[in-house]
């Protein structure tokens, strides 16, 4: 991802403990046209 432009990675909410604003180690599982999707490791 490009931190200067968009510093977010989409993470499905099913079964995770994260809240908005939390930091987490993630594995990128999908690259869409304008987004990255990951899962918590």
Foldseek 3Di string as FASTA:
>chain_A
DDVVPDDDAAEDPPPDDDDPPDDADWDFDDDDPPHTHTYGD
